[in-house]
Amino acid sequence: MPGNVWVYIDSRSTYNFVYQIVDLDTTFKPGQTLLKVSVASPRLGEEYRQERDGALMIYGRVEPGGATARYEPSVVAYRYCMDVGQTWETTTTRMAGPGSCPQTVTYRSTVEGTETIEASSGTYFSTFRIRRHDTDTTDGSTQETMLWVSPNVGLVRSQTAGLTVSLLGMSLR
């Protein structure tokens, strides 16, 4: 819903990331109504998301300066209804705009367990712990990300390449 806000802090305490749903958008993906999410941080601009079939889907982003990246098909960020052991996979092509080479990435996620974790705010959340393996099929590079997701809140914590980002606060309407 427009106006909802999530604030995250990174483990180095150097940046806060503020995700705010600012509007509903019908132009980024014609025929779809997406959530336009403003991401206030040093690197990100806007993301285009949709809650569909019990999952949070990411359709793309607009970087600061206007460069647009689109995911075809959209990427399943996480599901809201999960069972331990459940696995899902999305192979998508990231198109970064005219003149760029398409990048094909496979995202494979597995729900490893449940865990109660403390967010940076000091609040405890019941979460699902998800291990995601990203494989770039173009060059074979891989990356692993751990996600802790609460069905009622969304992303509570993530760890990638030694960086932990944790929920600091939120305001949901």
N, C-alpha and C. Protein backbone atom coordinates (compact mmCIF):
# COMPACT_ATOMS: atom_id res chain seq x y z
N MET A 1 0.85 -1.17 0.00
CA MET A 1 0.00 0.00 0.00
C MET A 1 0.90 1.25 0.00
N PRO A 2 0.58 2.24 -0.84
CA PRO A 2 1.38 3.46 -0.83
C PRO A 2 1.47 4.06 0.57
N GLY A 3 2.67 4.47 0.93
CA GLY A 3 2.93 5.03 2.25
C GLY A 3 3.62 4.08 3.20
N ASN A 4 3.56 2.76 2.94
CA ASN A 4 4.27 1.80 3.79
C ASN A 4 5.77 2.03 3.65
N VAL A 5 6.48 1.94 4.79
CA VAL A 5 7.93 2.22 4.81
C VAL A 5 8.64 1.14 5.63
N TRP A 6 9.79 0.68 5.12
CA TRP A 6 10.69 -0.22 5.84
C TRP A 6 12.06 0.45 5.84
N VAL A 7 12.71 0.48 7.01
CA VAL A 7 14.05 1.07 7.12
C VAL A 7 15.00 -0.02 7.57
N TYR A 8 16.10 -0.18 6.83
CA TYR A 8 17.12 -1.18 7.12
C TYR A 8 18.44 -0.48 7.38
N ILE A 9 19.31 -1.14 8.15
CA ILE A 9 20.66 -0.63 8.38
C ILE A 9 21.64 -1.74 8.04
N ASP A 10 22.77 -1.37 7.46
CA ASP A 10 23.76 -2.40 7.13
C ASP A 10 24.67 -2.66 8.32
N SER A 11 25.34 -3.82 8.29
CA SER A 11 26.16 -4.26 9.42
C SER A 11 27.36 -3.36 9.68
N ARG A 12 27.72 -2.57 8.71
CA ARG A 12 28.84 -1.65 8.89
C ARG A 12 28.38 -0.31 9.44
N SER A 13 27.06 -0.19 9.62
CA SER A 13 26.43 1.03 10.13
C SER A 13 26.79 2.26 9.31
N THR A 14 27.00 2.05 8.02
CA THR A 14 27.35 3.18 7.18
C THR A 14 26.16 3.75 6.43
N TYR A 15 25.14 2.93 6.17
CA TYR A 15 24.00 3.40 5.40
C TYR A 15 22.70 2.87 5.97
N ASN A 16 21.68 3.69 5.88
CA ASN A 16 20.32 3.24 6.07
C ASN A 16 19.72 3.08 4.69
N PHE A 17 18.91 2.06 4.52
CA PHE A 17 18.18 1.85 3.28
C PHE A 17 16.72 2.04 3.61
N VAL A 18 16.06 2.96 2.94
CA VAL A 18 14.65 3.24 3.20
C VAL A 18 13.85 2.82 1.96
N TYR A 19 12.98 1.83 2.16
CA TYR A 19 12.09 1.37 1.09
C TYR A 19 10.71 1.93 1.39
N GLN A 20 10.15 2.69 0.45
CA GLN A 20 8.82 3.25 0.65
C GLN A 20 7.98 3.03 -0.60
N ILE A 21 6.81 2.47 -0.40
CA ILE A 21 5.88 2.34 -1.53
C ILE A 21 5.30 3.72 -1.78
N VAL A 22 5.61 4.28 -2.95
CA VAL A 22 5.21 5.66 -3.22
C VAL A 22 4.00 5.77 -4.13
N ASP A 23 3.71 4.72 -4.91
CA ASP A 23 2.62 4.87 -5.86
C ASP A 23 2.30 3.52 -6.49
N LEU A 24 1.18 3.46 -7.17
CA LEU A 24 0.87 2.34 -8.04
C LEU A 24 1.26 2.76 -9.45
N ASP A 25 1.84 1.85 -10.22
CA ASP A 25 2.38 2.21 -11.53
C ASP A 25 1.84 1.24 -12.58
N THR A 26 1.42 1.79 -13.72
CA THR A 26 0.94 0.96 -14.83
C THR A 26 1.80 1.15 -16.08
N THR A 27 2.90 1.92 -16.00
CA THR A 27 3.70 2.20 -17.19
C THR A 27 4.96 1.34 -17.29
N PHE A 28 5.54 0.89 -16.17
CA PHE A 28 6.78 0.13 -16.21
C PHE A 28 6.58 -1.21 -16.92
N LYS A 29 5.46 -1.87 -16.64
CA LYS A 29 5.11 -3.15 -17.27
C LYS A 29 3.67 -3.00 -17.75
N PRO A 30 3.47 -2.59 -19.02
CA PRO A 30 2.10 -2.38 -19.52
C PRO A 30 1.22 -3.60 -19.28
N GLY A 31 0.00 -3.34 -18.83
CA GLY A 31 -0.95 -4.42 -18.54
C GLY A 31 -0.87 -4.92 -17.10
N GLN A 32 0.09 -4.43 -16.31
CA GLN A 32 0.25 -4.84 -14.92
C GLN A 32 0.23 -3.59 -14.03
N THR A 33 -0.40 -3.70 -12.88
CA THR A 33 -0.32 -2.64 -11.89
C THR A 33 0.74 -3.05 -10.88
N LEU A 34 1.81 -2.28 -10.79
CA LEU A 34 2.94 -2.60 -9.92
C LEU A 34 3.05 -1.59 -8.79
N LEU A 35 3.72 -2.01 -7.72
CA LEU A 35 4.05 -1.10 -6.64
C LEU A 35 5.35 -0.40 -7.01
N LYS A 36 5.34 0.91 -7.04
CA LYS A 36 6.55 1.69 -7.28
C LYS A 36 7.17 1.97 -5.92
N VAL A 37 8.37 1.42 -5.71
CA VAL A 37 9.03 1.49 -4.41
C VAL A 37 10.26 2.38 -4.53
N SER A 38 10.27 3.46 -3.78
CA SER A 38 11.43 4.33 -3.74
C SER A 38 12.43 3.72 -2.77
N VAL A 39 13.69 3.60 -3.23
CA VAL A 39 14.74 3.04 -2.40
C VAL A 39 15.77 4.13 -2.17
N ALA A 40 15.77 4.67 -0.96
CA ALA A 40 16.70 5.75 -0.63
C ALA A 40 17.95 5.14 -0.03
N SER A 41 19.01 5.14 -0.79
CA SER A 41 20.33 4.69 -0.36
C SER A 41 21.31 5.26 -1.37
N PRO A 42 22.59 5.07 -1.16
CA PRO A 42 23.55 5.63 -2.10
C PRO A 42 23.51 5.01 -3.49
N ARG A 43 22.97 3.80 -3.65
CA ARG A 43 23.09 3.10 -4.92
C ARG A 43 21.79 2.82 -5.65
N LEU A 44 20.68 2.81 -4.99
CA LEU A 44 19.44 2.35 -5.60
C LEU A 44 18.51 3.51 -5.89
N GLY A 45 17.62 3.31 -6.83
CA GLY A 45 16.66 4.34 -7.20
C GLY A 45 15.24 3.92 -6.90
N GLU A 46 14.59 3.24 -7.85
CA GLU A 46 13.23 2.77 -7.67
C GLU A 46 13.15 1.32 -8.11
N GLU A 47 12.35 0.54 -7.39
CA GLU A 47 12.07 -0.84 -7.79
C GLU A 47 10.59 -0.95 -8.12
N TYR A 48 10.29 -1.90 -8.99
CA TYR A 48 8.90 -2.14 -9.38
C TYR A 48 8.55 -3.55 -8.97
N ARG A 49 7.57 -3.65 -8.06
CA ARG A 49 7.22 -4.92 -7.43
C ARG A 49 5.73 -5.18 -7.55
N GLN A 50 5.38 -6.45 -7.32
CA GLN A 50 3.98 -6.82 -7.30
C GLN A 50 3.82 -8.02 -6.36
N GLU A 51 2.78 -7.99 -5.55
CA GLU A 51 2.44 -9.15 -4.75
C GLU A 51 1.47 -9.98 -5.58
N ARG A 52 1.91 -11.19 -5.94
CA ARG A 52 1.10 -12.02 -6.83
C ARG A 52 1.24 -13.49 -6.44
N ASP A 53 0.12 -14.17 -6.37
CA ASP A 53 0.11 -15.61 -6.09
C ASP A 53 0.91 -15.96 -4.84
N GLY A 54 0.80 -15.14 -3.79
CA GLY A 54 1.46 -15.42 -2.52
C GLY A 54 2.95 -15.15 -2.51
N ALA A 55 3.42 -14.36 -3.47
CA ALA A 55 4.85 -14.07 -3.55
C ALA A 55 5.08 -12.60 -3.85
N LEU A 56 6.27 -12.11 -3.46
CA LEU A 56 6.69 -10.77 -3.83
C LEU A 56 7.53 -10.89 -5.10
N MET A 57 7.06 -10.30 -6.18
CA MET A 57 7.73 -10.36 -7.49
C MET A 57 8.45 -9.04 -7.75
N ILE A 58 9.66 -9.13 -8.30
CA ILE A 58 10.40 -7.92 -8.69
C ILE A 58 10.48 -7.90 -10.21
N TYR A 59 10.00 -6.80 -10.80
CA TYR A 59 9.95 -6.65 -12.24
C TYR A 59 11.14 -5.88 -12.80
N GLY A 60 11.77 -5.05 -11.96
CA GLY A 60 12.91 -4.29 -12.43
C GLY A 60 13.17 -3.10 -11.55
N ARG A 61 14.11 -2.27 -12.03
CA ARG A 61 14.46 -1.07 -11.26
C ARG A 61 14.93 0.02 -12.20
N VAL A 62 14.82 1.25 -11.69
CA VAL A 62 15.37 2.41 -12.37
C VAL A 62 16.48 2.93 -11.47
N GLU A 63 17.70 2.93 -11.99
CA GLU A 63 18.87 3.35 -11.22
C GLU A 63 18.93 4.88 -11.17
N PRO A 64 19.66 5.42 -10.18
CA PRO A 64 19.88 6.87 -10.20
C PRO A 64 20.52 7.25 -11.53
N GLY A 65 20.07 8.30 -12.14
CA GLY A 65 20.56 8.70 -13.45
C GLY A 65 19.68 8.21 -14.57
N GLY A 66 18.71 7.32 -14.25
CA GLY A 66 17.73 6.92 -15.23
C GLY A 66 17.91 5.59 -15.93
N ALA A 67 19.03 4.90 -15.74
CA ALA A 67 19.21 3.59 -16.37
C ALA A 67 18.15 2.62 -15.85
N THR A 68 17.52 1.89 -16.75
CA THR A 68 16.43 1.00 -16.40
C THR A 68 16.84 -0.45 -16.61
N ALA A 69 16.58 -1.30 -15.62
CA ALA A 69 16.80 -2.74 -15.74
C ALA A 69 15.46 -3.43 -15.59
N ARG A 70 15.16 -4.33 -16.52
CA ARG A 70 13.90 -5.08 -16.49
C ARG A 70 14.21 -6.57 -16.40
N TYR A 71 13.38 -7.29 -15.62
CA TYR A 71 13.56 -8.73 -15.47
C TYR A 71 12.43 -9.43 -16.22
N GLU A 72 12.78 -10.28 -17.16
CA GLU A 72 11.80 -11.04 -17.94
C GLU A 72 12.12 -12.52 -17.85
N PRO A 73 11.31 -13.32 -17.17
CA PRO A 73 10.14 -12.92 -16.38
C PRO A 73 10.57 -12.30 -15.06
N SER A 74 9.59 -11.83 -14.30
CA SER A 74 9.88 -11.21 -13.01
C SER A 74 10.50 -12.24 -12.06
N VAL A 75 11.20 -11.74 -11.05
CA VAL A 75 11.92 -12.59 -10.09
C VAL A 75 11.08 -12.76 -8.83
N VAL A 76 10.97 -13.99 -8.34
CA VAL A 76 10.31 -14.24 -7.06
C VAL A 76 11.31 -13.86 -5.96
N ALA A 77 11.08 -12.75 -5.27
CA ALA A 77 11.96 -12.34 -4.17
C ALA A 77 11.78 -13.29 -3.00
N TYR A 78 10.53 -13.53 -2.61
CA TYR A 78 10.20 -14.51 -1.58
C TYR A 78 8.70 -14.75 -1.61
N ARG A 79 8.30 -15.81 -0.95
CA ARG A 79 6.89 -16.17 -0.83
C ARG A 79 6.40 -15.83 0.57
N TYR A 80 5.09 -15.65 0.70
CA TYR A 80 4.51 -15.34 2.01
C TYR A 80 4.08 -16.61 2.74
N CYS A 81 3.63 -17.61 2.01
CA CYS A 81 3.25 -18.89 2.60
C CYS A 81 4.31 -19.90 2.21
N MET A 82 5.05 -20.40 3.21
CA MET A 82 6.18 -21.29 2.91
C MET A 82 6.16 -22.47 3.87
N ASP A 83 6.81 -23.54 3.44
CA ASP A 83 7.04 -24.71 4.26
C ASP A 83 8.53 -24.99 4.26
N VAL A 84 9.06 -25.46 5.37
CA VAL A 84 10.46 -25.84 5.44
C VAL A 84 10.71 -26.92 4.38
N GLY A 85 11.77 -26.75 3.63
CA GLY A 85 12.12 -27.67 2.56
C GLY A 85 11.62 -27.24 1.18
N GLN A 86 10.71 -26.28 1.15
CA GLN A 86 10.18 -25.80 -0.13
C GLN A 86 11.28 -25.12 -0.94
N THR A 87 11.27 -25.35 -2.24
CA THR A 87 12.25 -24.75 -3.16
C THR A 87 11.53 -24.14 -4.34
N TRP A 88 12.03 -23.01 -4.83
CA TRP A 88 11.53 -22.44 -6.07
C TRP A 88 12.69 -21.86 -6.84
N GLU A 89 12.50 -21.75 -8.13
CA GLU A 89 13.57 -21.28 -9.01
C GLU A 89 13.00 -20.36 -10.07
N THR A 90 13.73 -19.30 -10.36
CA THR A 90 13.36 -18.39 -11.43
C THR A 90 14.60 -18.14 -12.28
N THR A 91 14.48 -18.34 -13.58
CA THR A 91 15.53 -17.93 -14.50
C THR A 91 14.99 -16.73 -15.25
N THR A 92 15.72 -15.65 -15.19
CA THR A 92 15.26 -14.40 -15.78
C THR A 92 16.38 -13.76 -16.59
N THR A 93 15.99 -12.96 -17.52
CA THR A 93 16.95 -12.18 -18.29
C THR A 93 16.83 -10.73 -17.85
N ARG A 94 17.95 -10.18 -17.45
CA ARG A 94 18.00 -8.79 -17.01
C ARG A 94 18.42 -7.95 -18.21
N MET A 95 17.52 -7.09 -18.61
CA MET A 95 17.79 -6.17 -19.72
C MET A 95 18.05 -4.80 -19.12
N ALA A 96 19.27 -4.30 -19.29
CA ALA A 96 19.66 -3.03 -18.67
C ALA A 96 19.48 -1.83 -19.59
N GLY A 97 18.84 -2.02 -20.72
CA GLY A 97 18.59 -0.88 -21.59
C GLY A 97 19.26 -1.03 -22.94
N PRO A 98 19.01 -0.09 -23.85
CA PRO A 98 19.56 -0.15 -25.20
C PRO A 98 21.08 -0.21 -25.18
N GLY A 99 21.64 -1.09 -26.00
CA GLY A 99 23.08 -1.19 -26.14
C GLY A 99 23.75 -2.08 -25.12
N SER A 100 23.02 -2.55 -24.11
CA SER A 100 23.64 -3.42 -23.10
C SER A 100 23.40 -4.88 -23.47
N CYS A 101 24.26 -5.74 -22.97
CA CYS A 101 24.11 -7.18 -23.20
C CYS A 101 23.14 -7.75 -22.19
N PRO A 102 22.21 -8.59 -22.64
CA PRO A 102 21.30 -9.22 -21.69
C PRO A 102 22.09 -10.15 -20.76
N GLN A 103 21.66 -10.21 -19.52
CA GLN A 103 22.30 -11.06 -18.52
C GLN A 103 21.24 -12.03 -18.02
N THR A 104 21.52 -13.33 -18.14
CA THR A 104 20.58 -14.34 -17.67
C THR A 104 21.06 -14.88 -16.33
N VAL A 105 20.17 -14.84 -15.34
CA VAL A 105 20.50 -15.27 -13.99
C VAL A 105 19.43 -16.25 -13.51
N THR A 106 19.87 -17.32 -12.86
CA THR A 106 18.95 -18.26 -12.22
C THR A 106 19.03 -18.04 -10.72
N TYR A 107 17.86 -17.81 -10.12
CA TYR A 107 17.73 -17.62 -8.67
C TYR A 107 17.07 -18.89 -8.13
N ARG A 108 17.76 -19.62 -7.26
CA ARG A 108 17.20 -20.84 -6.67
C ARG A 108 17.13 -20.64 -5.16
N SER A 109 15.91 -20.70 -4.62
CA SER A 109 15.68 -20.44 -3.20
C SER A 109 15.17 -21.69 -2.51
N THR A 110 15.68 -21.93 -1.29
CA THR A 110 15.25 -23.06 -0.48
C THR A 110 14.95 -22.57 0.93
N VAL A 111 13.77 -22.92 1.45
CA VAL A 111 13.42 -22.60 2.83
C VAL A 111 14.11 -23.63 3.72
N GLU A 112 15.09 -23.18 4.49
CA GLU A 112 15.89 -24.09 5.31
C GLU A 112 15.32 -24.33 6.70
N GLY A 113 14.54 -23.38 7.21
CA GLY A 113 14.00 -23.56 8.55
C GLY A 113 13.27 -22.33 9.02
N THR A 114 12.84 -22.37 10.26
CA THR A 114 12.22 -21.21 10.90
C THR A 114 13.15 -20.75 12.00
N GLU A 115 13.07 -19.47 12.30
CA GLU A 115 13.98 -18.91 13.28
C GLU A 115 13.37 -17.62 13.84
N THR A 116 13.47 -17.43 15.13
CA THR A 116 13.09 -16.15 15.74
C THR A 116 14.36 -15.33 15.83
N ILE A 117 14.33 -14.16 15.19
CA ILE A 117 15.53 -13.32 15.19
C ILE A 117 15.19 -11.93 15.72
N GLU A 118 16.23 -11.29 16.24
CA GLU A 118 16.09 -9.92 16.71
C GLU A 118 16.57 -8.98 15.62
N ALA A 119 15.71 -8.06 15.24
CA ALA A 119 16.09 -7.06 14.24
C ALA A 119 16.89 -5.95 14.93
N SER A 120 17.46 -5.07 14.14
CA SER A 120 18.24 -3.95 14.69
C SER A 120 17.40 -3.06 15.60
N SER A 121 16.10 -3.10 15.43
CA SER A 121 15.20 -2.28 16.25
C SER A 121 15.03 -2.85 17.65
N GLY A 122 15.52 -4.11 17.88
CA GLY A 122 15.32 -4.76 19.17
C GLY A 122 14.05 -5.58 19.22
N THR A 123 13.29 -5.58 18.14
CA THR A 123 12.05 -6.35 18.04
C THR A 123 12.37 -7.75 17.56
N TYR A 124 11.65 -8.74 18.11
CA TYR A 124 11.83 -10.13 17.68
C TYR A 124 10.76 -10.50 16.67
N PHE A 125 11.18 -11.23 15.64
CA PHE A 125 10.27 -11.67 14.58
C PHE A 125 10.40 -13.17 14.35
N SER A 126 9.28 -13.83 14.14
CA SER A 126 9.29 -15.23 13.69
C SER A 126 9.49 -15.19 12.19
N THR A 127 10.54 -15.87 11.71
CA THR A 127 10.89 -15.79 10.29
C THR A 127 11.12 -17.16 9.69
N PHE A 128 11.09 -17.18 8.37
CA PHE A 128 11.57 -18.31 7.58
C PHE A 128 12.97 -17.95 7.13
N ARG A 129 13.91 -18.89 7.25
CA ARG A 129 15.29 -18.68 6.79
C ARG A 129 15.40 -19.31 5.40
N ILE A 130 15.76 -18.48 4.43
CA ILE A 130 15.82 -18.89 3.02
C ILE A 130 17.24 -18.73 2.52
N ARG A 131 17.76 -19.77 1.89
CA ARG A 131 19.08 -19.70 1.24
C ARG A 131 18.81 -19.56 -0.26
N ARG A 132 19.37 -18.49 -0.85
CA ARG A 132 19.20 -18.26 -2.30
C ARG A 132 20.55 -18.33 -2.99
N HIS A 133 20.62 -19.13 -4.03
CA HIS A 133 21.82 -19.23 -4.87
C HIS A 133 21.51 -18.54 -6.19
N ASP A 134 22.33 -17.55 -6.56
CA ASP A 134 22.18 -16.85 -7.83
C ASP A 134 23.31 -17.32 -8.74
N THR A 135 22.96 -17.74 -9.95
CA THR A 135 23.96 -18.19 -10.91
C THR A 135 23.79 -17.40 -12.20
N ASP A 136 24.83 -16.68 -12.59
CA ASP A 136 24.84 -15.95 -13.86
C ASP A 136 25.21 -16.97 -14.94
N THR A 137 24.26 -17.28 -15.81
CA THR A 137 24.52 -18.31 -16.82
C THR A 137 25.45 -17.82 -17.92
N THR A 138 25.68 -16.52 -17.99
CA THR A 138 26.59 -15.98 -19.00
C THR A 138 28.04 -16.28 -18.66
N ASP A 139 28.44 -15.98 -17.41
CA ASP A 139 29.84 -16.17 -17.04
C ASP A 139 30.06 -17.23 -15.96
N GLY A 140 28.97 -17.84 -15.47
CA GLY A 140 29.10 -18.90 -14.48
C GLY A 140 29.31 -18.43 -13.05
N SER A 141 29.37 -17.12 -12.82
CA SER A 141 29.59 -16.62 -11.46
C SER A 141 28.38 -16.94 -10.58
N THR A 142 28.64 -17.11 -9.29
CA THR A 142 27.58 -17.43 -8.34
C THR A 142 27.65 -16.50 -7.14
N GLN A 143 26.53 -16.40 -6.47
CA GLN A 143 26.46 -15.62 -5.23
C GLN A 143 25.42 -16.28 -4.34
N GLU A 144 25.69 -16.30 -3.04
CA GLU A 144 24.73 -16.87 -2.10
C GLU A 144 24.22 -15.76 -1.19
N THR A 145 22.91 -15.80 -0.95
CA THR A 145 22.26 -14.83 -0.08
C THR A 145 21.39 -15.58 0.91
N MET A 146 21.45 -15.17 2.17
CA MET A 146 20.53 -15.69 3.18
C MET A 146 19.49 -14.62 3.46
N LEU A 147 18.24 -15.03 3.50
CA LEU A 147 17.13 -14.11 3.77
C LEU A 147 16.33 -14.62 4.97
N TRP A 148 15.91 -13.72 5.82
CA TRP A 148 14.99 -14.04 6.91
C TRP A 148 13.73 -13.23 6.64
N VAL A 149 12.62 -13.93 6.40
CA VAL A 149 11.38 -13.29 5.97
C VAL A 149 10.26 -13.62 6.95
N SER A 150 9.57 -12.59 7.40
CA SER A 150 8.38 -12.76 8.23
C SER A 150 7.16 -12.58 7.33
N PRO A 151 6.24 -13.55 7.34
CA PRO A 151 5.06 -13.42 6.47
C PRO A 151 4.25 -12.15 6.72
N ASN A 152 4.29 -11.62 7.93
CA ASN A 152 3.49 -10.42 8.25
C ASN A 152 4.23 -9.11 8.02
N VAL A 153 5.56 -9.18 7.87
CA VAL A 153 6.36 -7.96 7.78
C VAL A 153 7.11 -7.87 6.45
N GLY A 154 7.56 -9.00 5.94
CA GLY A 154 8.42 -9.05 4.76
C GLY A 154 9.84 -9.34 5.19
N LEU A 155 10.79 -8.77 4.48
CA LEU A 155 12.20 -9.01 4.75
C LEU A 155 12.61 -8.41 6.09
N VAL A 156 13.21 -9.24 6.96
CA VAL A 156 13.68 -8.78 8.26
C VAL A 156 15.20 -8.66 8.26
N ARG A 157 15.89 -9.58 7.57
CA ARG A 157 17.35 -9.55 7.52
C ARG A 157 17.82 -10.25 6.25
N SER A 158 18.97 -9.80 5.73
CA SER A 158 19.62 -10.50 4.62
C SER A 158 21.13 -10.44 4.81
N GLN A 159 21.81 -11.48 4.29
CA GLN A 159 23.27 -11.51 4.31
C GLN A 159 23.75 -11.91 2.93
N THR A 160 24.64 -11.10 2.37
CA THR A 160 25.25 -11.36 1.07
C THR A 160 26.68 -10.88 1.12
N ALA A 161 27.60 -11.73 0.70
CA ALA A 161 29.02 -11.35 0.57
C ALA A 161 29.55 -10.59 1.78
N GLY A 162 29.24 -11.09 2.98
CA GLY A 162 29.77 -10.49 4.19
C GLY A 162 29.03 -9.27 4.69
N LEU A 163 27.99 -8.85 4.01
CA LEU A 163 27.21 -7.68 4.42
C LEU A 163 25.86 -8.15 4.95
N THR A 164 25.52 -7.72 6.16
CA THR A 164 24.22 -8.02 6.75
C THR A 164 23.40 -6.75 6.77
N VAL A 165 22.17 -6.85 6.30
CA VAL A 165 21.22 -5.73 6.33
C VAL A 165 20.06 -6.18 7.19
N SER A 166 19.70 -5.36 8.18
CA SER A 166 18.67 -5.75 9.15
C SER A 166 17.62 -4.66 9.30
N LEU A 167 16.39 -5.10 9.53
CA LEU A 167 15.28 -4.17 9.70
C LEU A 167 15.50 -3.30 10.93
N LEU A 168 15.40 -2.00 10.75
CA LEU A 168 15.57 -1.03 11.83
C LEU A 168 14.20 -0.54 12.30
N GLY A 169 13.25 -0.42 11.39
CA GLY A 169 11.93 0.04 11.74
C GLY A 169 11.01 0.00 10.54
N MET A 170 9.73 0.16 10.79
CA MET A 170 8.75 0.15 9.70
C MET A 170 7.50 0.90 10.11
N SER A 171 6.77 1.32 9.10
CA SER A 171 5.48 1.96 9.31
C SER A 171 4.55 1.41 8.25
N LEU A 172 3.61 0.57 8.66
CA LEU A 172 2.68 -0.07 7.73
C LEU A 172 1.29 0.49 7.91
N ARG A 173 0.65 0.80 6.81
CA ARG A 173 -0.72 1.36 6.86
C ARG A 173 -1.74 0.29 6.71
